[in-house]
């Protein structure tokens, strides 16, 4: 039995597990939502909440502790500039785990782990992606129309020199 043994091993060595946790926490802070398995999400939650608590504190010592754990300066900046102040008056419970479907390959139960209040950010990202897709579709449609008009015969126009007809 595993009496008083904290944390899950997740079938990985210590160094691999630590690197995976660091990468996932960094990704969650940058993207605000990550899809993973239930077990990994449950293992990540306490670490993520500690990072957000450091972001709420906001002093130099907290910044250095977070910088020692996080993988990118982008995540560090976002943690202290936007995420920390967002949860300033909240005493805990900064993220949610939403169960999704079973994975086809190995049958693991999937989940999203996301920060609370990230709905606005995710909606803005979706709108931007939709706008970009619409612009690309419009450009492709315009290019197809131009290609169709240039490929169509131009009617009875011929040159006066008796050479090939003008396109």
N, C-alpha and C. Protein backbone atom coordinates (compact mmCIF):
# COMPACT_ATOMS: atom_id res chain seq x y z
N UNK A 1 0.83 -1.19 0.00
CA UNK A 1 0.00 0.00 0.00
C UNK A 1 0.87 1.24 0.00
N UNK A 2 0.30 2.32 -0.51
CA UNK A 2 1.07 3.56 -0.63
C UNK A 2 0.68 4.52 0.48
N UNK A 3 0.91 4.16 1.71
CA UNK A 3 0.55 5.04 2.81
C UNK A 3 1.44 6.27 2.81
N UNK A 4 0.82 7.44 2.93
CA UNK A 4 1.51 8.73 3.04
C UNK A 4 2.47 9.01 1.89
N UNK A 5 2.15 8.53 0.70
CA UNK A 5 2.96 8.81 -0.47
C UNK A 5 2.19 9.82 -1.31
N UNK A 6 2.74 11.01 -1.43
CA UNK A 6 2.03 12.09 -2.12
C UNK A 6 2.32 12.04 -3.61
N UNK A 7 1.32 12.35 -4.41
CA UNK A 7 1.49 12.49 -5.85
C UNK A 7 1.42 11.17 -6.59
N UNK A 8 1.17 11.27 -7.88
CA UNK A 8 1.09 10.11 -8.76
C UNK A 8 2.35 10.06 -9.62
N UNK A 9 2.79 8.85 -9.93
CA UNK A 9 4.00 8.70 -10.75
C UNK A 9 3.69 8.79 -12.24
N UNK A 10 2.49 8.43 -12.65
CA UNK A 10 2.03 8.52 -14.04
C UNK A 10 2.91 7.72 -14.99
N UNK A 11 3.57 6.69 -14.49
CA UNK A 11 4.37 5.83 -15.35
C UNK A 11 5.59 6.50 -15.93
N UNK A 12 6.16 7.46 -15.24
CA UNK A 12 7.31 8.22 -15.75
C UNK A 12 8.39 8.30 -14.69
N UNK A 13 9.60 8.56 -15.15
CA UNK A 13 10.68 8.79 -14.20
C UNK A 13 10.48 10.17 -13.57
N UNK A 14 11.21 10.43 -12.51
CA UNK A 14 11.06 11.69 -11.80
C UNK A 14 11.39 12.88 -12.69
N UNK A 15 12.48 12.79 -13.44
CA UNK A 15 12.87 13.92 -14.29
C UNK A 15 11.87 14.15 -15.41
N UNK A 16 11.37 13.06 -16.00
CA UNK A 16 10.39 13.19 -17.07
C UNK A 16 9.09 13.80 -16.54
N UNK A 17 8.66 13.31 -15.39
CA UNK A 17 7.42 13.81 -14.78
C UNK A 17 7.55 15.29 -14.44
N UNK A 18 8.67 15.69 -13.86
CA UNK A 18 8.88 17.10 -13.49
C UNK A 18 8.89 17.99 -14.73
N UNK A 19 9.57 17.54 -15.79
CA UNK A 19 9.61 18.31 -17.04
C UNK A 19 8.22 18.42 -17.66
N UNK A 20 7.45 17.33 -17.62
CA UNK A 20 6.09 17.35 -18.18
C UNK A 20 5.21 18.33 -17.40
N UNK A 21 5.31 18.30 -16.08
CA UNK A 21 4.51 19.22 -15.27
C UNK A 21 4.89 20.67 -15.55
N UNK A 22 6.18 20.95 -15.66
CA UNK A 22 6.62 22.32 -15.95
C UNK A 22 6.08 22.78 -17.31
N UNK A 23 6.18 21.91 -18.31
CA UNK A 23 5.69 22.25 -19.65
C UNK A 23 4.18 22.48 -19.64
N UNK A 24 3.44 21.63 -18.94
CA UNK A 24 1.99 21.76 -18.94
C UNK A 24 1.54 23.01 -18.20
N UNK A 25 2.17 23.32 -17.06
CA UNK A 25 1.81 24.53 -16.32
C UNK A 25 2.10 25.76 -17.17
N UNK A 26 3.26 25.76 -17.84
CA UNK A 26 3.60 26.88 -18.72
C UNK A 26 2.57 27.02 -19.84
N UNK A 27 2.18 25.92 -20.45
CA UNK A 27 1.20 25.95 -21.54
C UNK A 27 -0.16 26.44 -21.06
N UNK A 28 -0.56 26.02 -19.88
CA UNK A 28 -1.86 26.44 -19.35
C UNK A 28 -1.85 27.95 -19.09
N UNK A 29 -0.76 28.46 -18.57
CA UNK A 29 -0.70 29.90 -18.29
C UNK A 29 -0.71 30.71 -19.59
N UNK A 30 -0.07 30.19 -20.63
CA UNK A 30 -0.03 30.93 -21.90
C UNK A 30 -1.34 30.78 -22.66
N UNK A 31 -1.83 29.55 -22.80
CA UNK A 31 -3.01 29.28 -23.61
C UNK A 31 -4.32 29.37 -22.84
N UNK A 32 -4.28 29.25 -21.52
CA UNK A 32 -5.41 29.28 -20.61
C UNK A 32 -6.31 28.06 -20.70
N UNK A 33 -5.98 27.10 -21.58
CA UNK A 33 -6.75 25.87 -21.68
C UNK A 33 -5.90 24.82 -22.39
N UNK A 34 -5.84 23.62 -21.81
CA UNK A 34 -5.05 22.54 -22.39
C UNK A 34 -5.85 21.25 -22.30
N UNK A 35 -5.76 20.42 -23.34
CA UNK A 35 -6.42 19.12 -23.31
C UNK A 35 -5.39 18.06 -22.94
N UNK A 36 -5.74 17.23 -21.97
CA UNK A 36 -4.85 16.20 -21.47
C UNK A 36 -5.70 15.07 -20.90
N UNK A 37 -5.11 14.20 -20.09
CA UNK A 37 -5.87 13.14 -19.45
C UNK A 37 -6.32 13.59 -18.06
N UNK A 38 -7.30 12.90 -17.52
CA UNK A 38 -7.82 13.23 -16.19
C UNK A 38 -6.71 13.14 -15.15
N UNK A 39 -5.91 12.09 -15.21
CA UNK A 39 -4.88 11.88 -14.19
C UNK A 39 -3.84 13.00 -14.22
N UNK A 40 -3.42 13.38 -15.41
CA UNK A 40 -2.44 14.47 -15.51
C UNK A 40 -3.05 15.78 -15.04
N UNK A 41 -4.30 16.03 -15.40
CA UNK A 41 -4.95 17.27 -14.98
C UNK A 41 -5.05 17.36 -13.47
N UNK A 42 -5.39 16.24 -12.83
CA UNK A 42 -5.49 16.24 -11.37
C UNK A 42 -4.12 16.42 -10.72
N UNK A 43 -3.07 15.91 -11.36
CA UNK A 43 -1.74 16.07 -10.81
C UNK A 43 -1.22 17.49 -11.01
N UNK A 44 -1.64 18.15 -12.06
CA UNK A 44 -1.18 19.50 -12.40
C UNK A 44 -1.86 20.57 -11.54
N UNK A 45 -3.10 20.33 -11.16
CA UNK A 45 -3.90 21.36 -10.49
C UNK A 45 -3.20 22.00 -9.29
N UNK A 46 -2.65 21.26 -8.32
CA UNK A 46 -2.02 21.93 -7.17
C UNK A 46 -0.82 22.79 -7.56
N UNK A 47 -0.06 22.34 -8.54
CA UNK A 47 1.10 23.12 -8.97
C UNK A 47 0.64 24.41 -9.64
N UNK A 48 -0.37 24.31 -10.48
CA UNK A 48 -0.90 25.49 -11.16
C UNK A 48 -1.46 26.49 -10.15
N UNK A 49 -2.17 26.00 -9.16
CA UNK A 49 -2.75 26.91 -8.16
C UNK A 49 -1.65 27.60 -7.36
N UNK A 50 -0.55 26.90 -7.07
CA UNK A 50 0.56 27.54 -6.37
C UNK A 50 1.20 28.63 -7.22
N UNK A 51 1.31 28.38 -8.53
CA UNK A 51 1.87 29.40 -9.43
C UNK A 51 0.98 30.64 -9.46
N UNK A 52 -0.33 30.44 -9.50
CA UNK A 52 -1.24 31.59 -9.54
C UNK A 52 -1.18 32.35 -8.22
N UNK A 53 -1.02 31.63 -7.10
CA UNK A 53 -0.87 32.30 -5.81
C UNK A 53 0.40 33.15 -5.80
N UNK A 54 1.47 32.65 -6.40
CA UNK A 54 2.69 33.46 -6.54
C UNK A 54 2.41 34.70 -7.39
N UNK A 55 1.62 34.52 -8.46
CA UNK A 55 1.26 35.66 -9.31
C UNK A 55 0.44 36.69 -8.57
N UNK A 56 -0.40 36.24 -7.64
CA UNK A 56 -1.18 37.17 -6.83
C UNK A 56 -0.30 37.96 -5.87
N UNK A 57 0.70 37.28 -5.30
CA UNK A 57 1.60 37.98 -4.38
C UNK A 57 2.34 39.10 -5.10
N UNK A 58 2.92 38.79 -6.23
CA UNK A 58 3.48 39.81 -7.11
C UNK A 58 4.80 40.43 -6.67
N UNK A 59 5.41 40.01 -5.59
CA UNK A 59 6.67 40.62 -5.18
C UNK A 59 7.85 39.96 -5.91
N UNK A 60 9.04 40.48 -5.67
CA UNK A 60 10.23 40.01 -6.38
C UNK A 60 10.54 38.56 -6.05
N UNK A 61 10.38 38.18 -4.81
CA UNK A 61 10.64 36.80 -4.41
C UNK A 61 9.69 35.84 -5.13
N UNK A 62 8.43 36.19 -5.20
CA UNK A 62 7.44 35.35 -5.89
C UNK A 62 7.77 35.26 -7.38
N UNK A 63 8.19 36.36 -7.97
CA UNK A 63 8.54 36.38 -9.39
C UNK A 63 9.74 35.45 -9.65
N UNK A 64 10.71 35.46 -8.76
CA UNK A 64 11.88 34.61 -8.94
C UNK A 64 11.53 33.14 -8.75
N UNK A 65 10.66 32.84 -7.81
CA UNK A 65 10.24 31.45 -7.61
C UNK A 65 9.48 30.94 -8.84
N UNK A 66 8.61 31.77 -9.38
CA UNK A 66 7.84 31.37 -10.57
C UNK A 66 8.77 31.25 -11.78
N UNK A 67 9.74 32.14 -11.90
CA UNK A 67 10.68 32.09 -13.03
C UNK A 67 11.53 30.83 -12.98
N UNK A 68 11.82 30.33 -11.77
CA UNK A 68 12.60 29.11 -11.64
C UNK A 68 11.80 27.90 -12.10
N UNK A 69 10.48 27.96 -12.08
CA UNK A 69 9.65 26.82 -12.46
C UNK A 69 9.16 26.91 -13.89
N UNK A 70 8.72 28.09 -14.32
CA UNK A 70 8.12 28.23 -15.65
C UNK A 70 9.18 28.16 -16.74
N UNK A 71 8.76 27.76 -17.93
CA UNK A 71 9.70 27.52 -19.02
C UNK A 71 9.94 28.74 -19.91
N UNK A 72 9.00 29.68 -19.97
CA UNK A 72 9.16 30.83 -20.87
C UNK A 72 8.91 32.13 -20.12
N UNK A 73 9.52 33.17 -20.61
CA UNK A 73 9.30 34.49 -20.01
C UNK A 73 7.91 35.01 -20.36
N UNK A 74 7.35 34.54 -21.47
CA UNK A 74 5.99 34.93 -21.85
C UNK A 74 4.98 34.48 -20.79
N UNK A 75 5.14 33.24 -20.32
CA UNK A 75 4.24 32.72 -19.28
C UNK A 75 4.42 33.50 -17.99
N UNK A 76 5.66 33.83 -17.65
CA UNK A 76 5.93 34.58 -16.43
C UNK A 76 5.28 35.96 -16.48
N UNK A 77 5.44 36.65 -17.60
CA UNK A 77 4.85 37.98 -17.76
C UNK A 77 3.33 37.91 -17.67
N UNK A 78 2.73 36.95 -18.35
CA UNK A 78 1.27 36.82 -18.33
C UNK A 78 0.77 36.48 -16.94
N UNK A 79 1.51 35.63 -16.21
CA UNK A 79 1.12 35.25 -14.86
C UNK A 79 1.05 36.46 -13.95
N UNK A 80 2.05 37.33 -13.99
CA UNK A 80 2.11 38.45 -13.06
C UNK A 80 1.34 39.67 -13.55
N UNK A 81 1.15 39.81 -14.86
CA UNK A 81 0.46 41.00 -15.38
C UNK A 81 -1.03 40.83 -15.53
N UNK A 82 -1.49 39.65 -15.94
CA UNK A 82 -2.93 39.49 -16.20
C UNK A 82 -3.60 38.47 -15.29
N UNK A 83 -2.99 37.31 -15.13
CA UNK A 83 -3.65 36.24 -14.39
C UNK A 83 -3.68 36.51 -12.89
N UNK A 84 -2.57 36.96 -12.33
CA UNK A 84 -2.53 37.27 -10.90
C UNK A 84 -3.56 38.31 -10.49
N UNK A 85 -3.61 39.46 -11.17
CA UNK A 85 -4.63 40.45 -10.82
C UNK A 85 -6.06 39.97 -11.06
N UNK A 86 -6.27 39.08 -12.05
CA UNK A 86 -7.61 38.58 -12.32
C UNK A 86 -8.17 37.80 -11.12
N UNK A 87 -7.31 37.08 -10.42
CA UNK A 87 -7.74 36.28 -9.28
C UNK A 87 -7.38 36.95 -7.96
N UNK A 88 -7.19 38.26 -7.94
CA UNK A 88 -6.72 38.96 -6.76
C UNK A 88 -7.58 38.79 -5.53
N UNK A 89 -8.89 38.76 -5.67
CA UNK A 89 -9.77 38.66 -4.51
C UNK A 89 -10.29 37.24 -4.28
N UNK A 90 -9.87 36.29 -5.09
CA UNK A 90 -10.36 34.91 -4.98
C UNK A 90 -9.42 34.12 -4.07
N UNK A 91 -9.94 33.41 -3.09
CA UNK A 91 -9.07 32.71 -2.14
C UNK A 91 -8.49 31.38 -2.64
N UNK A 92 -8.91 30.88 -3.78
CA UNK A 92 -8.39 29.62 -4.30
C UNK A 92 -9.33 29.08 -5.35
N UNK A 93 -9.00 27.92 -5.90
CA UNK A 93 -9.86 27.32 -6.92
C UNK A 93 -9.81 28.10 -8.21
N UNK A 94 -8.61 28.24 -8.78
CA UNK A 94 -8.42 29.08 -9.96
C UNK A 94 -8.64 28.34 -11.27
N UNK A 95 -8.73 27.02 -11.23
CA UNK A 95 -8.87 26.28 -12.48
C UNK A 95 -9.98 25.24 -12.36
N UNK A 96 -10.43 24.77 -13.51
CA UNK A 96 -11.46 23.73 -13.55
C UNK A 96 -10.99 22.62 -14.47
N UNK A 97 -11.45 21.43 -14.15
CA UNK A 97 -11.17 20.26 -14.98
C UNK A 97 -12.50 19.79 -15.56
N UNK A 98 -12.58 19.77 -16.88
CA UNK A 98 -13.79 19.36 -17.58
C UNK A 98 -13.50 18.05 -18.31
N UNK A 99 -14.24 17.02 -17.96
CA UNK A 99 -14.02 15.71 -18.58
C UNK A 99 -14.55 15.72 -20.01
N UNK A 100 -13.81 15.03 -20.88
CA UNK A 100 -14.23 14.90 -22.28
C UNK A 100 -14.32 13.42 -22.61
N UNK A 101 -14.21 13.08 -23.86
CA UNK A 101 -14.40 11.70 -24.29
C UNK A 101 -13.17 10.84 -24.02
N UNK A 102 -13.35 9.55 -24.25
CA UNK A 102 -12.24 8.61 -24.11
C UNK A 102 -11.37 8.70 -25.36
N UNK A 103 -10.06 8.59 -25.16
CA UNK A 103 -9.13 8.64 -26.27
C UNK A 103 -9.20 7.34 -27.05
N UNK A 104 -9.13 7.43 -28.37
CA UNK A 104 -9.32 6.25 -29.20
C UNK A 104 -8.15 5.28 -29.11
N UNK A 105 -6.94 5.78 -29.03
CA UNK A 105 -5.77 4.91 -29.08
C UNK A 105 -5.60 4.02 -27.87
N UNK A 106 -5.66 4.60 -26.66
CA UNK A 106 -5.39 3.81 -25.47
C UNK A 106 -6.55 3.79 -24.47
N UNK A 107 -7.63 4.47 -24.78
CA UNK A 107 -8.80 4.44 -23.92
C UNK A 107 -8.71 5.33 -22.70
N UNK A 108 -7.71 6.21 -22.65
CA UNK A 108 -7.58 7.11 -21.50
C UNK A 108 -8.68 8.17 -21.55
N UNK A 109 -9.19 8.53 -20.38
CA UNK A 109 -10.24 9.53 -20.33
C UNK A 109 -9.62 10.92 -20.47
N UNK A 110 -10.09 11.68 -21.43
CA UNK A 110 -9.55 13.00 -21.68
C UNK A 110 -10.21 14.05 -20.82
N UNK A 111 -9.53 15.20 -20.74
CA UNK A 111 -10.07 16.32 -19.96
C UNK A 111 -9.44 17.61 -20.43
N UNK A 112 -10.17 18.69 -20.24
CA UNK A 112 -9.61 20.03 -20.40
C UNK A 112 -9.31 20.55 -19.01
N UNK A 113 -8.14 21.15 -18.84
CA UNK A 113 -7.87 21.90 -17.62
C UNK A 113 -7.74 23.34 -18.06
N UNK A 114 -8.54 24.21 -17.46
CA UNK A 114 -8.59 25.60 -17.90
C UNK A 114 -8.71 26.53 -16.71
N UNK A 115 -8.27 27.76 -16.91
CA UNK A 115 -8.37 28.78 -15.88
C UNK A 115 -9.79 29.33 -15.87
N UNK A 116 -10.29 29.65 -14.70
CA UNK A 116 -11.60 30.27 -14.60
C UNK A 116 -11.54 31.67 -15.20
N UNK A 117 -12.61 32.08 -15.83
CA UNK A 117 -12.64 33.40 -16.43
C UNK A 117 -11.95 33.47 -17.77
N UNK A 118 -11.53 32.34 -18.30
CA UNK A 118 -10.84 32.34 -19.59
C UNK A 118 -11.81 32.26 -20.76
N UNK A 119 -13.10 32.23 -20.48
CA UNK A 119 -14.08 32.11 -21.55
C UNK A 119 -13.99 33.29 -22.51
N UNK A 120 -13.80 34.49 -21.96
CA UNK A 120 -13.71 35.67 -22.82
C UNK A 120 -12.50 35.58 -23.74
N UNK A 121 -11.37 35.18 -23.19
CA UNK A 121 -10.15 35.06 -23.97
C UNK A 121 -10.31 34.02 -25.06
N UNK A 122 -10.89 32.87 -24.70
CA UNK A 122 -11.07 31.80 -25.68
C UNK A 122 -12.06 32.21 -26.77
N UNK A 123 -13.12 32.95 -26.41
CA UNK A 123 -14.07 33.44 -27.41
C UNK A 123 -13.41 34.42 -28.36
N UNK A 124 -12.54 35.30 -27.83
CA UNK A 124 -11.82 36.24 -28.69
C UNK A 124 -10.92 35.49 -29.66
N UNK A 125 -10.24 34.45 -29.18
CA UNK A 125 -9.38 33.65 -30.06
C UNK A 125 -10.20 32.99 -31.16
N UNK A 126 -11.38 32.46 -30.79
CA UNK A 126 -12.24 31.82 -31.79
C UNK A 126 -12.69 32.82 -32.85
N UNK A 127 -13.06 34.03 -32.40
CA UNK A 127 -13.50 35.05 -33.35
C UNK A 127 -12.37 35.45 -34.29
N UNK A 128 -11.17 35.61 -33.76
CA UNK A 128 -10.04 35.96 -34.62
C UNK A 128 -9.77 34.86 -35.64
N UNK A 129 -9.83 33.60 -35.19
CA UNK A 129 -9.62 32.49 -36.12
C UNK A 129 -10.70 32.48 -37.20
N UNK A 130 -11.94 32.75 -36.82
CA UNK A 130 -13.04 32.77 -37.79
C UNK A 130 -12.84 33.90 -38.80
N UNK A 131 -12.38 35.06 -38.34
CA UNK A 131 -12.12 36.17 -39.25
C UNK A 131 -11.01 35.82 -40.24
N UNK A 132 -9.95 35.22 -39.74
CA UNK A 132 -8.84 34.83 -40.62
C UNK A 132 -9.30 33.82 -41.65
N UNK A 133 -10.10 32.83 -41.19
CA UNK A 133 -10.62 31.83 -42.13
C UNK A 133 -11.51 32.49 -43.18
N UNK A 134 -12.35 33.44 -42.77
CA UNK A 134 -13.25 34.12 -43.71
C UNK A 134 -12.44 34.91 -44.74
N UNK A 135 -11.39 35.58 -44.29
CA UNK A 135 -10.54 36.34 -45.22
C UNK A 135 -9.86 35.42 -46.21
N UNK A 136 -9.35 34.28 -45.73
CA UNK A 136 -8.70 33.32 -46.63
C UNK A 136 -9.69 32.77 -47.63
N UNK A 137 -10.91 32.47 -47.19
CA UNK A 137 -11.92 31.94 -48.09
C UNK A 137 -12.31 32.98 -49.13
N UNK A 138 -12.42 34.23 -48.71
CA UNK A 138 -12.76 35.31 -49.65
C UNK A 138 -11.66 35.50 -50.68
N UNK A 139 -10.40 35.45 -50.23
CA UNK A 139 -9.28 35.60 -51.15
C UNK A 139 -9.23 34.44 -52.13
N UNK A 140 -9.49 33.23 -51.66
CA UNK A 140 -9.49 32.07 -52.54
C UNK A 140 -10.63 32.17 -53.56
N UNK A 141 -11.79 32.63 -53.11
CA UNK A 141 -12.93 32.78 -54.01
C UNK A 141 -12.64 33.81 -55.09
N UNK A 142 -12.02 34.92 -54.67
CA UNK A 142 -11.67 35.97 -55.63
C UNK A 142 -10.64 35.47 -56.63
N UNK A 143 -9.66 34.72 -56.17
CA UNK A 143 -8.64 34.17 -57.06
C UNK A 143 -9.27 33.19 -58.05
N UNK A 144 -10.22 32.39 -57.59
CA UNK A 144 -10.89 31.44 -58.49
C UNK A 144 -11.69 32.18 -59.56
N UNK A 145 -12.37 33.26 -59.16
CA UNK A 145 -13.14 34.04 -60.13
C UNK A 145 -12.23 34.69 -61.16
N UNK A 146 -11.08 35.21 -60.70
CA UNK A 146 -10.13 35.82 -61.64
C UNK A 146 -9.57 34.78 -62.59
N UNK A 147 -9.29 33.60 -62.07
CA UNK A 147 -8.77 32.53 -62.92
C UNK A 147 -9.80 32.10 -63.95
N UNK A 148 -11.08 32.05 -63.54
CA UNK A 148 -12.13 31.67 -64.47
C UNK A 148 -12.31 32.72 -65.56
N UNK A 149 -12.26 33.99 -65.19
CA UNK A 149 -12.46 35.04 -66.20
C UNK A 149 -11.27 35.11 -67.15
N UNK A 150 -10.07 34.88 -66.68
CA UNK A 150 -8.91 34.94 -67.57
C UNK A 150 -8.81 33.69 -68.44
N UNK A 151 -9.34 32.57 -68.02
CA UNK A 151 -9.29 31.33 -68.79
C UNK A 151 -10.39 31.28 -69.84
N UNK A 152 -11.46 32.03 -69.65
CA UNK A 152 -12.57 32.01 -70.60
C UNK A 152 -12.15 32.70 -71.89
N UNK A 153 -12.66 32.23 -73.04
CA UNK A 153 -12.32 32.90 -74.31
C UNK A 153 -12.85 34.32 -74.32
N UNK A 154 -12.10 35.20 -74.95
CA UNK A 154 -12.42 36.62 -74.88
C UNK A 154 -13.38 37.06 -75.97
N UNK A 155 -13.92 36.19 -76.71
CA UNK A 155 -14.92 36.56 -77.71
C UNK A 155 -14.29 36.70 -79.08
N UNK A 156 -14.57 37.80 -79.79
CA UNK A 156 -14.12 37.98 -81.17
C UNK A 156 -12.94 38.90 -81.30
N UNK A 157 -12.25 39.23 -80.26
CA UNK A 157 -11.12 40.15 -80.36
C UNK A 157 -9.94 39.46 -81.02
N UNK A 158 -9.46 40.07 -82.07
CA UNK A 158 -8.25 39.59 -82.73
C UNK A 158 -7.36 40.76 -83.01
N UNK A 159 -6.13 40.48 -83.17
CA UNK A 159 -5.19 41.58 -83.46
C UNK A 159 -5.23 41.90 -84.94
N UNK A 160 -4.81 43.10 -85.29
CA UNK A 160 -4.86 43.53 -86.67
C UNK A 160 -3.72 42.96 -87.48
N UNK A 161 -2.70 42.47 -86.84
CA UNK A 161 -1.55 41.95 -87.58
C UNK A 161 -1.76 40.52 -88.05
N UNK A 162 -2.83 39.87 -87.66
CA UNK A 162 -3.13 38.54 -88.10
C UNK A 162 -2.46 37.45 -87.24
N UNK A 163 -1.85 37.85 -86.14
CA UNK A 163 -1.24 36.88 -85.25
C UNK A 163 -2.29 36.24 -84.36
N UNK A 164 -1.83 35.74 -83.23
CA UNK A 164 -2.73 35.11 -82.26
C UNK A 164 -3.71 36.11 -81.68
N UNK A 165 -4.89 35.65 -81.27
CA UNK A 165 -5.84 36.57 -80.63
C UNK A 165 -5.33 36.99 -79.24
N UNK A 166 -5.74 38.20 -78.85
CA UNK A 166 -5.35 38.70 -77.54
C UNK A 166 -6.13 37.96 -76.45
N UNK A 167 -5.50 37.69 -75.34
CA UNK A 167 -6.24 37.05 -74.24
C UNK A 167 -7.06 38.04 -73.46
